[in-house]
Amino acid sequence: MLEKVNRMNELYDTYHMLLTAKQKLYFELYYQEDLSLSEIAEQFEVSRTAVFDNIKRTEKLLDGYEEKLRLLEKREAREKIMAQMSGYLTDDHLKKWMEELQSLD
């Protein structure tokens, strides 16, 4: 379960700008604030099923965006390569540029 939560949060960090305000709100409350479906439903005076459906649709959207765009996969690959390169850098200018590149993600 923790692995799924971490992946969903990474996908959210990457693609949240493509979601509606309601999708963002429910997702953040459920995955980041750790509220239960019932707590969210009570807060917004909707059914637990409505919250569940919204979150499941959002998960599917996030997975679909990643399947098509692969932004998270590419970022993780870049981070891995840059980490490996950092171990071989001896020039201070190159190290500084590498840090600047890493800060872009």
C-alpha atoms as a PDB file:
ATOM      1  CA  MET A   1       0.000   0.000   0.000  1.00  0.00           C
ATOM      2  CA  LEU A   2       2.801   2.434   0.853  1.00  0.00           C
ATOM      3  CA  GLU A   3       4.350   1.804  -2.563  1.00  0.00           C
ATOM      4  CA  LYS A   4       1.050   2.715  -4.242  1.00  0.00           C
ATOM      5  CA  VAL A   5       0.717   5.869  -2.140  1.00  0.00           C
ATOM      6  CA  ASN A   6       4.253   6.955  -3.031  1.00  0.00           C
ATOM      7  CA  ARG A   7       3.675   6.303  -6.740  1.00  0.00           C
ATOM      8  CA  MET A   8       0.362   8.154  -6.737  1.00  0.00           C
ATOM      9  CA  ASN A   9       1.983  11.129  -5.008  1.00  0.00           C
ATOM     10  CA  GLU A  10       4.819  11.143  -7.557  1.00  0.00           C
ATOM     11  CA  LEU A  11       2.311  11.010 -10.411  1.00  0.00           C
ATOM     12  CA  TYR A  12       0.317  13.787  -8.739  1.00  0.00           C
ATOM     13  CA  ASP A  13       3.421  15.949  -8.385  1.00  0.00           C
ATOM     14  CA  THR A  14       4.084  15.469 -12.094  1.00  0.00           C
ATOM     15  CA  TYR A  15       0.573  15.853 -13.536  1.00  0.00           C
ATOM     16  CA  HIS A  16      -1.531  17.761 -10.966  1.00  0.00           C
ATOM     17  CA  MET A  17      -1.838  20.757 -13.276  1.00  0.00           C
ATOM     18  CA  LEU A  18      -3.983  18.596 -15.602  1.00  0.00           C
ATOM     19  CA  LEU A  19      -6.595  17.835 -12.935  1.00  0.00           C
ATOM     20  CA  THR A  20      -9.714  19.746 -11.935  1.00  0.00           C
ATOM     21  CA  ALA A  21      -9.863  21.590  -8.632  1.00  0.00           C
ATOM     22  CA  LYS A  22     -12.192  18.939  -7.173  1.00  0.00           C
ATOM     23  CA  GLN A  23      -9.925  16.094  -8.275  1.00  0.00           C
ATOM     24  CA  LYS A  24      -6.943  17.841  -6.693  1.00  0.00           C
ATOM     25  CA  LEU A  25      -8.808  18.496  -3.464  1.00  0.00           C
ATOM     26  CA  TYR A  26     -10.078  14.938  -2.960  1.00  0.00           C
ATOM     27  CA  PHE A  27      -6.720  13.473  -3.982  1.00  0.00           C
ATOM     28  CA  GLU A  28      -4.768  15.682  -1.590  1.00  0.00           C
ATOM     29  CA  LEU A  29      -7.098  14.976   1.301  1.00  0.00           C
ATOM     30  CA  TYR A  30      -6.962  11.233   0.707  1.00  0.00           C
ATOM     31  CA  TYR A  31      -3.321  10.695  -0.252  1.00  0.00           C
ATOM     32  CA  GLN A  32      -1.509  13.573   1.399  1.00  0.00           C
ATOM     33  CA  GLU A  33      -3.654  14.408   4.430  1.00  0.00           C
ATOM     34  CA  ASP A  34      -4.539  10.729   5.006  1.00  0.00           C
ATOM     35  CA  LEU A  35      -8.246  11.398   5.485  1.00  0.00           C
ATOM     36  CA  SER A  36     -10.583   8.447   5.051  1.00  0.00           C
ATOM     37  CA  LEU A  37     -13.211   8.314   2.330  1.00  0.00           C
ATOM     38  CA  SER A  38     -15.873   8.766   4.995  1.00  0.00           C
ATOM     39  CA  GLU A  39     -14.172  11.832   6.460  1.00  0.00           C
ATOM     40  CA  ILE A  40     -13.924  13.458   3.035  1.00  0.00           C
ATOM     41  CA  ALA A  41     -17.528  12.567   2.220  1.00  0.00           C
ATOM     42  CA  GLU A  42     -18.732  14.056   5.492  1.00  0.00           C
ATOM     43  CA  GLN A  43     -16.726  17.239   4.972  1.00  0.00           C
ATOM     44  CA  PHE A  44     -18.274  17.847   1.525  1.00  0.00           C
ATOM     45  CA  GLU A  45     -21.680  16.343   2.262  1.00  0.00           C
ATOM     46  CA  VAL A  46     -21.447  13.740  -0.483  1.00  0.00           C
ATOM     47  CA  SER A  47     -21.552   9.970  -0.397  1.00  0.00           C
ATOM     48  CA  ARG A  48     -18.523   7.874   0.387  1.00  0.00           C
ATOM     49  CA  THR A  49     -19.047   6.217  -3.018  1.00  0.00           C
ATOM     50  CA  ALA A  50     -18.850   9.602  -4.767  1.00  0.00           C
ATOM     51  CA  VAL A  51     -15.497  10.309  -3.127  1.00  0.00           C
ATOM     52  CA  PHE A  52     -14.238   6.799  -3.909  1.00  0.00           C
ATOM     53  CA  ASP A  53     -15.276   7.116  -7.578  1.00  0.00           C
ATOM     54  CA  ASN A  54     -13.635  10.524  -7.890  1.00  0.00           C
ATOM     55  CA  ILE A  55     -10.354   9.277  -6.430  1.00  0.00           C
ATOM     56  CA  LYS A  56     -10.350   6.131  -8.602  1.00  0.00           C
ATOM     57  CA  ARG A  57     -11.000   8.210 -11.738  1.00  0.00           C
ATOM     58  CA  THR A  58      -8.168  10.533 -10.745  1.00  0.00           C
ATOM     59  CA  GLU A  59      -5.812   7.586 -10.236  1.00  0.00           C
ATOM     60  CA  LYS A  60      -6.728   6.274 -13.688  1.00  0.00           C
ATOM     61  CA  LEU A  61      -6.161   9.699 -15.216  1.00  0.00           C
ATOM     62  CA  LEU A  62      -2.735  10.024 -13.591  1.00  0.00           C
ATOM     63  CA  ASP A  63      -1.752   6.523 -14.736  1.00  0.00           C
ATOM     64  CA  GLY A  64      -3.007   7.335 -18.239  1.00  0.00           C
ATOM     65  CA  TYR A  65      -1.008  10.556 -18.411  1.00  0.00           C
ATOM     66  CA  GLU A  66       2.130   8.704 -17.382  1.00  0.00           C
ATOM     67  CA  GLU A  67       1.445   5.897 -19.858  1.00  0.00           C
ATOM     68  CA  LYS A  68       1.220   8.414 -22.686  1.00  0.00           C
ATOM     69  CA  LEU A  69       3.744  11.062 -21.672  1.00  0.00           C
ATOM     70  CA  ARG A  70       6.268   9.136 -19.516  1.00  0.00           C
ATOM     71  CA  LEU A  71       7.380  12.325 -17.747  1.00  0.00           C
ATOM     72  CA  LEU A  72       7.922  10.608 -14.391  1.00  0.00           C
ATOM     73  CA  GLU A  73       9.807   7.716 -15.973  1.00  0.00           C
ATOM     74  CA  LYS A  74      12.064  10.124 -17.879  1.00  0.00           C
ATOM     75  CA  ARG A  75      12.692  12.252 -14.783  1.00  0.00           C
ATOM     76  CA  GLU A  76      13.671   9.188 -12.756  1.00  0.00           C
ATOM     77  CA  ALA A  77      16.036   8.058 -15.535  1.00  0.00           C
ATOM     78  CA  ARG A  78      17.613  11.533 -15.691  1.00  0.00           C
ATOM     79  CA  GLU A  79      18.062  11.615 -11.915  1.00  0.00           C
ATOM     80  CA  LYS A  80      19.751   8.214 -11.964  1.00  0.00           C
ATOM     81  CA  ILE A  81      22.158   9.234 -14.741  1.00  0.00           C
ATOM     82  CA  MET A  82      22.971  12.555 -13.073  1.00  0.00           C
ATOM     83  CA  ALA A  83      23.641  10.812  -9.770  1.00  0.00           C
ATOM     84  CA  GLN A  84      26.050   8.458 -11.512  1.00  0.00           C
ATOM     85  CA  MET A  85      27.745  11.342 -13.333  1.00  0.00           C
ATOM     86  CA  SER A  86      28.134  13.327 -10.115  1.00  0.00           C
ATOM     87  CA  GLY A  87      30.441  10.651  -8.762  1.00  0.00           C
ATOM     88  CA  TYR A  88      32.874  11.220 -11.628  1.00  0.00           C
ATOM     89  CA  LEU A  89      32.943  14.999 -11.685  1.00  0.00           C
ATOM     90  CA  THR A  90      36.087  16.638 -10.411  1.00  0.00           C
ATOM     91  CA  ASP A  91      35.843  20.080 -12.042  1.00  0.00           C
ATOM     92  CA  ASP A  92      34.055  22.619  -9.819  1.00  0.00           C
ATOM     93  CA  HIS A  93      32.346  24.284 -12.792  1.00  0.00           C
ATOM     94  CA  LEU A  94      30.938  20.952 -13.968  1.00  0.00           C
ATOM     95  CA  LYS A  95      29.739  20.157 -10.444  1.00  0.00           C
ATOM     96  CA  LYS A  96      27.951  23.513 -10.277  1.00  0.00           C
ATOM     97  CA  TRP A  97      26.250  22.906 -13.640  1.00  0.00           C
ATOM     98  CA  MET A  98      25.210  19.445 -12.548  1.00  0.00           C
ATOM     99  CA  GLU A  99      23.624  20.885  -9.408  1.00  0.00           C
ATOM    100  CA  GLU A 100      21.774  23.433 -11.545  1.00  0.00           C
ATOM    101  CA  LEU A 101      20.479  20.660 -13.805  1.00  0.00           C
ATOM    102  CA  GLN A 102      19.320  18.630 -10.813  1.00  0.00           C
ATOM    103  CA  SER A 103      17.490  21.611  -9.365  1.00  0.00           C
ATOM    104  CA  LEU A 104      15.396  21.962 -12.535  1.00  0.00           C
ATOM    105  CA  ASP A 105      13.387  18.832 -11.684  1.00  0.00           C
END
